[in-house]
């Protein structure tokens, strides 16, 4: 294989990965639980950016239910972040011939 061609492809991949990292940070997804009573917003790095709790859940003796719903909403959002990252990765890296299912360190 042509060494210069390989170097060019490596440089292109490096540029696309930099672009991908910037786009991942901009991703925001919302996870929901309890039919929308609890909503969690995460960015592409899985940082918590928002939490909304329906006032009907703020009753005495319902703390455990609220905790469970927050965890469920967070899990829902985290799964959505992972899916969004996979989609972005395939979109940007699809033409580079990377092995299917390759996970990038983001």
PDB file of N, CA and C in Angstrom:
ATOM      1  N   UNK A   1       0.848  -1.190   0.000  1.00  0.00           N
ATOM      2  CA  UNK A   1       0.000   0.000   0.000  1.00  0.00           C
ATOM      3  C   UNK A   1       0.889   1.248   0.000  1.00  0.00           C
ATOM      4  N   UNK A   2       0.431   2.250  -0.647  1.00  0.00           N
ATOM      5  CA  UNK A   2       1.168   3.501  -0.773  1.00  0.00           C
ATOM      6  C   UNK A   2       1.251   4.211   0.581  1.00  0.00           C
ATOM      7  N   UNK A   3       2.487   4.463   1.042  1.00  0.00           N
ATOM      8  CA  UNK A   3       2.701   5.084   2.343  1.00  0.00           C
ATOM      9  C   UNK A   3       2.090   6.479   2.415  1.00  0.00           C
ATOM     10  N   UNK A   4       2.228   7.269   1.351  1.00  0.00           N
ATOM     11  CA  UNK A   4       1.663   8.632   1.355  1.00  0.00           C
ATOM     12  C   UNK A   4       0.137   8.595   1.441  1.00  0.00           C
ATOM     13  N   UNK A   5      -0.450   7.621   0.779  1.00  0.00           N
ATOM     14  CA  UNK A   5      -1.907   7.476   0.846  1.00  0.00           C
ATOM     15  C   UNK A   5      -2.334   7.130   2.277  1.00  0.00           C
ATOM     16  N   UNK A   6      -1.584   6.244   2.926  1.00  0.00           N
ATOM     17  CA  UNK A   6      -1.891   5.884   4.309  1.00  0.00           C
ATOM     18  C   UNK A   6      -1.771   7.085   5.229  1.00  0.00           C
ATOM     19  N   UNK A   7      -0.746   7.897   5.035  1.00  0.00           N
ATOM     20  CA  UNK A   7      -0.550   9.085   5.864  1.00  0.00           C
ATOM     21  C   UNK A   7      -1.689  10.080   5.646  1.00  0.00           C
ATOM     22  N   UNK A   8      -2.107  10.229   4.415  1.00  0.00           N
ATOM     23  CA  UNK A   8      -3.218  11.140   4.104  1.00  0.00           C
ATOM     24  C   UNK A   8      -4.501  10.660   4.785  1.00  0.00           C
ATOM     25  N   UNK A   9      -4.749   9.350   4.717  1.00  0.00           N
ATOM     26  CA  UNK A   9      -5.943   8.798   5.360  1.00  0.00           C
ATOM     27  C   UNK A   9      -5.875   8.966   6.877  1.00  0.00           C
ATOM     28  N   UNK A  10      -4.700   8.788   7.459  1.00  0.00           N
ATOM     29  CA  UNK A  10      -4.543   8.956   8.905  1.00  0.00           C
ATOM     30  C   UNK A  10      -4.817  10.396   9.311  1.00  0.00           C
ATOM     31  N   UNK A  11      -4.336  11.340   8.504  1.00  0.00           N
ATOM     32  CA  UNK A  11      -4.571  12.756   8.805  1.00  0.00           C
ATOM     33  C   UNK A  11      -6.063  13.079   8.698  1.00  0.00           C
ATOM     34  N   UNK A  12      -6.721  12.563   7.659  1.00  0.00           N
ATOM     35  CA  UNK A  12      -8.159  12.786   7.495  1.00  0.00           C
ATOM     36  C   UNK A  12      -8.924  12.222   8.685  1.00  0.00           C
ATOM     37  N   UNK A  13      -8.531  11.032   9.115  1.00  0.00           N
ATOM     38  CA  UNK A  13      -9.205  10.400  10.247  1.00  0.00           C
ATOM     39  C   UNK A  13      -9.011  11.231  11.509  1.00  0.00           C
ATOM     40  N   UNK A  14      -7.804  11.750  11.716  1.00  0.00           N
ATOM     41  CA  UNK A  14      -7.524  12.570  12.892  1.00  0.00           C
ATOM     42  C   UNK A  14      -8.386  13.838  12.875  1.00  0.00           C
ATOM     43  N   UNK A  15      -8.520  14.460  11.723  1.00  0.00           N
ATOM     44  CA  UNK A  15      -9.350  15.660  11.608  1.00  0.00           C
ATOM     45  C   UNK A  15     -10.815  15.343  11.871  1.00  0.00           C
ATOM     46  N   UNK A  16     -11.279  14.226  11.330  1.00  0.00           N
ATOM     47  CA  UNK A  16     -12.678  13.852  11.529  1.00  0.00           C
ATOM     48  C   UNK A  16     -12.952  13.484  12.981  1.00  0.00           C
ATOM     49  N   UNK A  17     -11.995  12.858  13.641  1.00  0.00           N
ATOM     50  CA  UNK A  17     -12.185  12.519  15.054  1.00  0.00           C
ATOM     51  C   UNK A  17     -12.244  13.785  15.901  1.00  0.00           C
ATOM     52  N   UNK A  18     -11.438  14.789  15.567  1.00  0.00           N
ATOM     53  CA  UNK A  18     -11.515  16.065  16.282  1.00  0.00           C
ATOM     54  C   UNK A  18     -12.876  16.703  16.098  1.00  0.00           C
ATOM     55  N   UNK A  19     -13.381  16.654  14.884  1.00  0.00           N
ATOM     56  CA  UNK A  19     -14.713  17.193  14.601  1.00  0.00           C
ATOM     57  C   UNK A  19     -15.776  16.407  15.350  1.00  0.00           C
ATOM     58  N   UNK A  20     -15.616  15.102  15.391  1.00  0.00           N
ATOM     59  CA  UNK A  20     -16.569  14.248  16.089  1.00  0.00           C
ATOM     60  C   UNK A  20     -16.608  14.571  17.576  1.00  0.00           C
ATOM     61  N   UNK A  21     -15.454  14.763  18.190  1.00  0.00           N
ATOM     62  CA  UNK A  21     -15.411  15.093  19.615  1.00  0.00           C
ATOM     63  C   UNK A  21     -16.146  16.397  19.894  1.00  0.00           C
ATOM     64  N   UNK A  22     -15.993  17.388  19.024  1.00  0.00           N
ATOM     65  CA  UNK A  22     -16.701  18.658  19.205  1.00  0.00           C
ATOM     66  C   UNK A  22     -18.205  18.455  19.081  1.00  0.00           C
ATOM     67  N   UNK A  23     -18.619  17.641  18.113  1.00  0.00           N
ATOM     68  CA  UNK A  23     -20.044  17.407  17.909  1.00  0.00           C
ATOM     69  C   UNK A  23     -20.656  16.607  19.056  1.00  0.00           C
ATOM     70  N   UNK A  24     -19.889  15.697  19.630  1.00  0.00           N
ATOM     71  CA  UNK A  24     -20.390  14.891  20.736  1.00  0.00           C
ATOM     72  C   UNK A  24     -20.716  15.767  21.940  1.00  0.00           C
ATOM     73  N   UNK A  25     -19.873  16.736  22.210  1.00  0.00           N
ATOM     74  CA  UNK A  25     -20.128  17.632  23.340  1.00  0.00           C
ATOM     75  C   UNK A  25     -21.448  18.378  23.148  1.00  0.00           C
ATOM     76  N   UNK A  26     -21.779  18.696  21.903  1.00  0.00           N
ATOM     77  CA  UNK A  26     -22.998  19.451  21.607  1.00  0.00           C
ATOM     78  C   UNK A  26     -24.275  18.612  21.666  1.00  0.00           C
ATOM     79  N   UNK A  27     -24.139  17.295  21.702  1.00  0.00           N
ATOM     80  CA  UNK A  27     -25.320  16.433  21.759  1.00  0.00           C
ATOM     81  C   UNK A  27     -26.027  16.647  23.099  1.00  0.00           C
ATOM     82  N   UNK A  28     -27.332  16.781  23.056  1.00  0.00           N
ATOM     83  CA  UNK A  28     -28.143  16.808  24.270  1.00  0.00           C
ATOM     84  C   UNK A  28     -29.318  15.875  24.068  1.00  0.00           C
ATOM     85  N   UNK A  29     -29.535  14.995  25.024  1.00  0.00           N
ATOM     86  CA  UNK A  29     -30.658  14.066  24.964  1.00  0.00           C
ATOM     87  C   UNK A  29     -31.431  14.147  26.268  1.00  0.00           C
ATOM     88  N   UNK A  30     -32.708  13.775  26.175  1.00  0.00           N
ATOM     89  CA  UNK A  30     -33.556  13.798  27.351  1.00  0.00           C
ATOM     90  C   UNK A  30     -34.036  12.385  27.637  1.00  0.00           C
ATOM     91  N   UNK A  31     -33.823  11.944  28.851  1.00  0.00           N
ATOM     92  CA  UNK A  31     -34.347  10.662  29.305  1.00  0.00           C
ATOM     93  C   UNK A  31     -35.561  10.914  30.161  1.00  0.00           C
ATOM     94  N   UNK A  32     -36.550  10.042  30.020  1.00  0.00           N
ATOM     95  CA  UNK A  32     -37.791  10.232  30.781  1.00  0.00           C
ATOM     96  C   UNK A  32     -38.150   8.962  31.538  1.00  0.00           C
ATOM     97  N   UNK A  33     -38.896   9.152  32.599  1.00  0.00           N
ATOM     98  CA  UNK A  33     -39.408   8.026  33.393  1.00  0.00           C
ATOM     99  C   UNK A  33     -40.735   8.439  33.992  1.00  0.00           C
ATOM    100  N   UNK A  34     -41.510   7.440  34.373  1.00  0.00           N
ATOM    101  CA  UNK A  34     -42.803   7.728  34.997  1.00  0.00           C
ATOM    102  C   UNK A  34     -43.725   8.482  34.073  1.00  0.00           C
ATOM    103  N   UNK A  35     -43.762   8.071  32.807  1.00  0.00           N
ATOM    104  CA  UNK A  35     -44.617   8.721  31.808  1.00  0.00           C
ATOM    105  C   UNK A  35     -44.370  10.223  31.727  1.00  0.00           C
ATOM    106  N   UNK A  36     -43.113  10.601  31.854  1.00  0.00           N
ATOM    107  CA  UNK A  36     -42.742  12.008  31.714  1.00  0.00           C
ATOM    108  C   UNK A  36     -42.742  12.798  33.009  1.00  0.00           C
ATOM    109  N   UNK A  37     -42.977  12.141  34.132  1.00  0.00           N
ATOM    110  CA  UNK A  37     -42.984  12.854  35.408  1.00  0.00           C
ATOM    111  C   UNK A  37     -41.581  13.278  35.837  1.00  0.00           C
ATOM    112  N   UNK A  38     -40.564  12.528  35.367  1.00  0.00           N
ATOM    113  CA  UNK A  38     -39.168  12.868  35.643  1.00  0.00           C
ATOM    114  C   UNK A  38     -38.435  12.913  34.317  1.00  0.00           C
ATOM    115  N   UNK A  39     -37.697  14.007  34.101  1.00  0.00           N
ATOM    116  CA  UNK A  39     -36.920  14.180  32.873  1.00  0.00           C
ATOM    117  C   UNK A  39     -35.495  14.568  33.237  1.00  0.00           C
ATOM    118  N   UNK A  40     -34.542  13.900  32.592  1.00  0.00           N
ATOM    119  CA  UNK A  40     -33.124  14.160  32.815  1.00  0.00           C
ATOM    120  C   UNK A  40     -32.504  14.522  31.474  1.00  0.00           C
ATOM    121  N   UNK A  41     -31.722  15.593  31.437  1.00  0.00           N
ATOM    122  CA  UNK A  41     -31.024  15.994  30.219  1.00  0.00           C
ATOM    123  C   UNK A  41     -29.531  15.787  30.414  1.00  0.00           C
ATOM    124  N   UNK A  42     -28.917  15.051  29.462  1.00  0.00           N
ATOM    125  CA  UNK A  42     -27.482  14.803  29.471  1.00  0.00           C
ATOM    126  C   UNK A  42     -26.867  15.332  28.187  1.00  0.00           C
ATOM    127  N   UNK A  43     -25.582  15.719  28.276  1.00  0.00           N
ATOM    128  CA  UNK A  43     -24.873  16.055  27.049  1.00  0.00           C
ATOM    129  C   UNK A  43     -24.162  14.802  26.543  1.00  0.00           C
ATOM    130  N   UNK A  44     -23.416  14.942  25.460  1.00  0.00           N
ATOM    131  CA  UNK A  44     -22.737  13.815  24.847  1.00  0.00           C
ATOM    132  C   UNK A  44     -21.666  13.186  25.710  1.00  0.00           C
ATOM    133  N   UNK A  45     -21.223  13.872  26.720  1.00  0.00           N
ATOM    134  CA  UNK A  45     -20.241  13.321  27.662  1.00  0.00           C
ATOM    135  C   UNK A  45     -20.931  12.714  28.881  1.00  0.00           C
ATOM    136  N   UNK A  46     -22.249  12.613  28.841  1.00  0.00           N
ATOM    137  CA  UNK A  46     -23.086  12.093  29.929  1.00  0.00           C
ATOM    138  C   UNK A  46     -23.077  12.978  31.165  1.00  0.00           C
ATOM    139  N   UNK A  47     -22.749  14.256  30.988  1.00  0.00           N
ATOM    140  CA  UNK A  47     -22.847  15.211  32.090  1.00  0.00           C
ATOM    141  C   UNK A  47     -24.305  15.607  32.261  1.00  0.00           C
ATOM    142  N   UNK A  48     -24.763  15.668  33.502  1.00  0.00           N
ATOM    143  CA  UNK A  48     -26.129  16.060  33.789  1.00  0.00           C
ATOM    144  C   UNK A  48     -26.294  17.548  33.524  1.00  0.00           C
ATOM    145  N   UNK A  49     -27.196  17.882  32.600  1.00  0.00           N
ATOM    146  CA  UNK A  49     -27.424  19.280  32.244  1.00  0.00           C
ATOM    147  C   UNK A  49     -28.767  19.802  32.721  1.00  0.00           C
ATOM    148  N   UNK A  50     -29.676  18.904  33.072  1.00  0.00           N
ATOM    149  CA  UNK A  50     -30.975  19.356  33.539  1.00  0.00           C
ATOM    150  C   UNK A  50     -31.755  18.237  34.198  1.00  0.00           C
ATOM    151  N   UNK A  51     -32.623  18.627  35.118  1.00  0.00           N
ATOM    152  CA  UNK A  51     -33.476  17.681  35.827  1.00  0.00           C
ATOM    153  C   UNK A  51     -34.810  18.368  36.077  1.00  0.00           C
ATOM    154  N   UNK A  52     -35.892  17.718  35.632  1.00  0.00           N
ATOM    155  CA  UNK A  52     -37.229  18.261  35.876  1.00  0.00           C
ATOM    156  C   UNK A  52     -38.066  17.189  36.563  1.00  0.00           C
ATOM    157  N   UNK A  53     -38.702  17.605  37.643  1.00  0.00           N
ATOM    158  CA  UNK A  53     -39.535  16.696  38.424  1.00  0.00           C
ATOM    159  C   UNK A  53     -40.926  17.296  38.517  1.00  0.00           C
ATOM    160  N   UNK A  54     -41.910  16.521  38.125  1.00  0.00           N
ATOM    161  CA  UNK A  54     -43.292  16.981  38.220  1.00  0.00           C
ATOM    162  C   UNK A  54     -43.629  17.196  39.693  1.00  0.00           C
ATOM    163  N   UNK A  55     -44.261  18.328  40.028  1.00  0.00           N
ATOM    164  CA  UNK A  55     -44.584  18.633  41.429  1.00  0.00           C
ATOM    165  C   UNK A  55     -45.438  17.575  42.122  1.00  0.00           C
ATOM    166  N   UNK A  56     -46.185  16.799  41.370  1.00  0.00           N
ATOM    167  CA  UNK A  56     -47.028  15.772  41.990  1.00  0.00           C
ATOM    168  C   UNK A  56     -46.198  14.688  42.688  1.00  0.00           C
ATOM    169  N   UNK A  57     -44.916  14.594  42.345  1.00  0.00           N
ATOM    170  CA  UNK A  57     -44.043  13.598  42.971  1.00  0.00           C
ATOM    171  C   UNK A  57     -43.391  14.098  44.253  1.00  0.00           C
ATOM    172  N   UNK A  58     -43.571  15.357  44.555  1.00  0.00           N
ATOM    173  CA  UNK A  58     -42.918  15.951  45.721  1.00  0.00           C
ATOM    174  C   UNK A  58     -43.813  15.861  46.953  1.00  0.00           C
ATOM    175  N   UNK A  59     -44.172  14.647  47.265  1.00  0.00           N
ATOM    176  CA  UNK A  59     -45.018  14.396  48.428  1.00  0.00           C
ATOM    177  C   UNK A  59     -44.222  13.597  49.457  1.00  0.00           C
ATOM    178  N   UNK A  60     -44.563  13.811  50.695  1.00  0.00           N
ATOM    179  CA  UNK A  60     -43.928  13.057  51.769  1.00  0.00           C
ATOM    180  C   UNK A  60     -44.152  11.565  51.551  1.00  0.00           C
ATOM    181  N   UNK A  61     -43.208  10.764  51.894  1.00  0.00           N
ATOM    182  CA  UNK A  61     -43.260   9.312  51.787  1.00  0.00           C
ATOM    183  C   UNK A  61     -43.145   8.798  50.343  1.00  0.00           C
ATOM    184  N   UNK A  62     -42.814   9.655  49.379  1.00  0.00           N
ATOM    185  CA  UNK A  62     -42.646   9.212  48.005  1.00  0.00           C
ATOM    186  C   UNK A  62     -41.213   9.413  47.525  1.00  0.00           C
ATOM    187  N   UNK A  63     -40.305   9.611  48.459  1.00  0.00           N
ATOM    188  CA  UNK A  63     -38.912   9.833  48.110  1.00  0.00           C
ATOM    189  C   UNK A  63     -38.288   8.666  47.367  1.00  0.00           C
ATOM    190  N   UNK A  64     -38.596   7.462  47.791  1.00  0.00           N
ATOM    191  CA  UNK A  64     -38.014   6.273  47.155  1.00  0.00           C
ATOM    192  C   UNK A  64     -38.487   6.138  45.704  1.00  0.00           C
ATOM    193  N   UNK A  65     -39.754   6.417  45.477  1.00  0.00           N
ATOM    194  CA  UNK A  65     -40.291   6.382  44.115  1.00  0.00           C
ATOM    195  C   UNK A  65     -39.580   7.418  43.249  1.00  0.00           C
ATOM    196  N   UNK A  66     -39.404   8.604  43.779  1.00  0.00           N
ATOM    197  CA  UNK A  66     -38.733   9.678  43.050  1.00  0.00           C
ATOM    198  C   UNK A  66     -37.294   9.285  42.720  1.00  0.00           C
ATOM    199  N   UNK A  67     -36.591   8.707  43.677  1.00  0.00           N
ATOM    200  CA  UNK A  67     -35.214   8.268  43.437  1.00  0.00           C
ATOM    201  C   UNK A  67     -35.158   7.242  42.313  1.00  0.00           C
ATOM    202  N   UNK A  68     -36.077   6.281  42.333  1.00  0.00           N
ATOM    203  CA  UNK A  68     -36.114   5.259  41.286  1.00  0.00           C
ATOM    204  C   UNK A  68     -36.391   5.875  39.918  1.00  0.00           C
ATOM    205  N   UNK A  69     -37.296   6.836  39.873  1.00  0.00           N
ATOM    206  CA  UNK A  69     -37.630   7.474  38.602  1.00  0.00           C
ATOM    207  C   UNK A  69     -36.460   8.306  38.065  1.00  0.00           C
ATOM    208  N   UNK A  70     -35.735   8.969  38.946  1.00  0.00           N
ATOM    209  CA  UNK A  70     -34.564   9.740  38.515  1.00  0.00           C
ATOM    210  C   UNK A  70     -33.516   8.803  37.934  1.00  0.00           C
ATOM    211  N   UNK A  71     -33.260   7.693  38.607  1.00  0.00           N
ATOM    212  CA  UNK A  71     -32.277   6.737  38.086  1.00  0.00           C
ATOM    213  C   UNK A  71     -32.732   6.162  36.741  1.00  0.00           C
ATOM    214  N   UNK A  72     -34.009   5.867  36.612  1.00  0.00           N
ATOM    215  CA  UNK A  72     -34.523   5.323  35.355  1.00  0.00           C
ATOM    216  C   UNK A  72     -34.409   6.344  34.227  1.00  0.00           C
ATOM    217  N   UNK A  73     -34.702   7.605  34.512  1.00  0.00           N
ATOM    218  CA  UNK A  73     -34.587   8.657  33.493  1.00  0.00           C
ATOM    219  C   UNK A  73     -33.129   8.852  33.092  1.00  0.00           C
ATOM    220  N   UNK A  74     -32.232   8.786  34.066  1.00  0.00           N
ATOM    221  CA  UNK A  74     -30.803   8.930  33.765  1.00  0.00           C
ATOM    222  C   UNK A  74     -30.330   7.774  32.881  1.00  0.00           C
ATOM    223  N   UNK A  75     -30.739   6.578  33.187  1.00  0.00           N
ATOM    224  CA  UNK A  75     -30.369   5.423  32.369  1.00  0.00           C
ATOM    225  C   UNK A  75     -30.904   5.573  30.957  1.00  0.00           C
ATOM    226  N   UNK A  76     -32.144   6.018  30.827  1.00  0.00           N
ATOM    227  CA  UNK A  76     -32.757   6.244  29.520  1.00  0.00           C
ATOM    228  C   UNK A  76     -31.947   7.266  28.724  1.00  0.00           C
ATOM    229  N   UNK A  77     -31.560   8.347  29.361  1.00  0.00           N
ATOM    230  CA  UNK A  77     -30.790   9.392  28.679  1.00  0.00           C
ATOM    231  C   UNK A  77     -29.404   8.882  28.299  1.00  0.00           C
ATOM    232  N   UNK A  78     -28.767   8.115  29.175  1.00  0.00           N
ATOM    233  CA  UNK A  78     -27.429   7.609  28.894  1.00  0.00           C
ATOM    234  C   UNK A  78     -27.446   6.681  27.678  1.00  0.00           C
ATOM    235  N   UNK A  79     -28.455   5.844  27.564  1.00  0.00           N
ATOM    236  CA  UNK A  79     -28.592   4.957  26.407  1.00  0.00           C
ATOM    237  C   UNK A  79     -28.764   5.794  25.138  1.00  0.00           C
ATOM    238  N   UNK A  80     -29.550   6.851  25.232  1.00  0.00           N
ATOM    239  CA  UNK A  80     -29.756   7.724  24.073  1.00  0.00           C
ATOM    240  C   UNK A  80     -28.475   8.446  23.678  1.00  0.00           C
ATOM    241  N   UNK A  81     -27.656   8.840  24.654  1.00  0.00           N
ATOM    242  CA  UNK A  81     -26.366   9.468  24.353  1.00  0.00           C
ATOM    243  C   UNK A  81     -25.490   8.488  23.591  1.00  0.00           C
ATOM    244  N   UNK A  82     -25.415   7.261  24.064  1.00  0.00           N
ATOM    245  CA  UNK A  82     -24.587   6.254  23.403  1.00  0.00           C
ATOM    246  C   UNK A  82     -25.050   6.011  21.978  1.00  0.00           C
ATOM    247  N   UNK A  83     -26.356   5.964  21.756  1.00  0.00           N
ATOM    248  CA  UNK A  83     -26.889   5.773  20.408  1.00  0.00           C
ATOM    249  C   UNK A  83     -26.563   6.969  19.518  1.00  0.00           C
ATOM    250  N   UNK A  84     -26.691   8.183  20.057  1.00  0.00           N
ATOM    251  CA  UNK A  84     -26.389   9.385  19.282  1.00  0.00           C
ATOM    252  C   UNK A  84     -24.914   9.428  18.895  1.00  0.00           C
ATOM    253  N   UNK A  85     -24.040   9.016  19.813  1.00  0.00           N
ATOM    254  CA  UNK A  85     -22.607   8.990  19.525  1.00  0.00           C
ATOM    255  C   UNK A  85     -22.315   7.965  18.433  1.00  0.00           C
ATOM    256  N   UNK A  86     -22.941   6.807  18.498  1.00  0.00           N
ATOM    257  CA  UNK A  86     -22.736   5.804  17.466  1.00  0.00           C
ATOM    258  C   UNK A  86     -23.184   6.318  16.102  1.00  0.00           C
ATOM    259  N   UNK A  87     -24.321   6.997  16.070  1.00  0.00           N
ATOM    260  CA  UNK A  87     -24.820   7.545  14.811  1.00  0.00           C
ATOM    261  C   UNK A  87     -23.852   8.584  14.249  1.00  0.00           C
ATOM    262  N   UNK A  88     -23.378   9.503  15.110  1.00  0.00           N
ATOM    263  CA  UNK A  88     -22.436  10.525  14.666  1.00  0.00           C
ATOM    264  C   UNK A  88     -21.142   9.886  14.161  1.00  0.00           C
ATOM    265  N   UNK A  89     -20.679   8.869  14.877  1.00  0.00           N
ATOM    266  CA  UNK A  89     -19.444   8.192  14.507  1.00  0.00           C
ATOM    267  C   UNK A  89     -19.589   7.543  13.140  1.00  0.00           C
ATOM    268  N   UNK A  90     -20.684   6.839  12.928  1.00  0.00           N
ATOM    269  CA  UNK A  90     -20.906   6.196  11.634  1.00  0.00           C
ATOM    270  C   UNK A  90     -21.031   7.223  10.521  1.00  0.00           C
ATOM    271  N   UNK A  91     -21.699   8.323  10.822  1.00  0.00           N
ATOM    272  CA  UNK A  91     -21.891   9.382   9.846  1.00  0.00           C
ATOM    273  C   UNK A  91     -20.555   9.977   9.396  1.00  0.00           C
ATOM    274  N   UNK A  92     -19.680  10.271  10.361  1.00  0.00           N
ATOM    275  CA  UNK A  92     -18.413  10.917  10.044  1.00  0.00           C
ATOM    276  C   UNK A  92     -17.310   9.952   9.634  1.00  0.00           C
ATOM    277  N   UNK A  93     -17.327   8.753  10.175  1.00  0.00           N
ATOM    278  CA  UNK A  93     -16.227   7.821   9.943  1.00  0.00           C
ATOM    279  C   UNK A  93     -16.584   6.698   8.971  1.00  0.00           C
ATOM    280  N   UNK A  94     -17.806   6.686   8.498  1.00  0.00           N
ATOM    281  CA  UNK A  94     -18.263   5.586   7.660  1.00  0.00           C
ATOM    282  C   UNK A  94     -17.406   5.333   6.440  1.00  0.00           C
ATOM    283  N   UNK A  95     -16.873   6.371   5.826  1.00  0.00           N
ATOM    284  CA  UNK A  95     -16.082   6.209   4.619  1.00  0.00           C
ATOM    285  C   UNK A  95     -14.638   5.837   4.852  1.00  0.00           C
ATOM    286  N   UNK A  96     -14.234   5.712   6.093  1.00  0.00           N
ATOM    287  CA  UNK A  96     -12.828   5.431   6.380  1.00  0.00           C
ATOM    288  C   UNK A  96     -12.519   3.947   6.499  1.00  0.00           C
ATOM    289  N   UNK A  97     -13.526   3.102   6.422  1.00  0.00           N
ATOM    290  CA  UNK A  97     -13.285   1.672   6.471  1.00  0.00           C
ATOM    291  C   UNK A  97     -12.936   1.140   7.845  1.00  0.00           C
ATOM    292  N   UNK A  98     -13.438   1.776   8.895  1.00  0.00           N
ATOM    293  CA  UNK A  98     -13.195   1.276  10.253  1.00  0.00           C
ATOM    294  C   UNK A  98     -14.000   0.000  10.469  1.00  0.00           C
ATOM    295  N   UNK A  99     -13.502  -0.913  11.287  1.00  0.00           N
ATOM    296  CA  UNK A  99     -14.253  -2.142  11.556  1.00  0.00           C
ATOM    297  C   UNK A  99     -15.610  -1.836  12.199  1.00  0.00           C
ATOM    298  N   UNK A 100     -16.618  -2.606  11.817  1.00  0.00           N
ATOM    299  CA  UNK A 100     -17.948  -2.418  12.395  1.00  0.00           C
ATOM    300  C   UNK A 100     -17.902  -2.657  13.891  1.00  0.00           C
ATOM    301  N   UNK A 101     -18.583  -1.814  14.637  1.00  0.00           N
ATOM    302  CA  UNK A 101     -18.651  -1.952  16.083  1.00  0.00           C
ATOM    303  C   UNK A 101     -17.456  -1.413  16.834  1.00  0.00           C
ATOM    304  N   UNK A 102     -16.536  -0.780  16.129  1.00  0.00           N
ATOM    305  CA  UNK A 102     -15.349  -0.223  16.801  1.00  0.00           C
ATOM    306  C   UNK A 102     -15.766   0.924  17.682  1.00  0.00           C
ATOM    307  N   UNK A 103     -15.385   0.876  18.931  1.00  0.00           N
ATOM    308  CA  UNK A 103     -15.724   1.941  19.873  1.00  0.00           C
ATOM    309  C   UNK A 103     -14.583   2.923  19.944  1.00  0.00           C
ATOM    310  N   UNK A 104     -14.927   4.204  19.848  1.00  0.00           N
ATOM    311  CA  UNK A 104     -13.930   5.257  19.952  1.00  0.00           C
ATOM    312  C   UNK A 104     -13.884   5.772  21.385  1.00  0.00           C
ATOM    313  N   UNK A 105     -12.739   6.262  21.837  1.00  0.00           N
ATOM    314  CA  UNK A 105     -12.571   6.671  23.245  1.00  0.00           C
ATOM    315  C   UNK A 105     -13.142   8.049  23.556  1.00  0.00           C
ATOM    316  N   UNK A 106     -14.480   8.162  23.596  1.00  0.00           N
ATOM    317  CA  UNK A 106     -15.100   9.456  23.924  1.00  0.00           C
ATOM    318  C   UNK A 106     -15.851   9.355  25.202  1.00  0.00           C
TER     319      UNK A 106
END
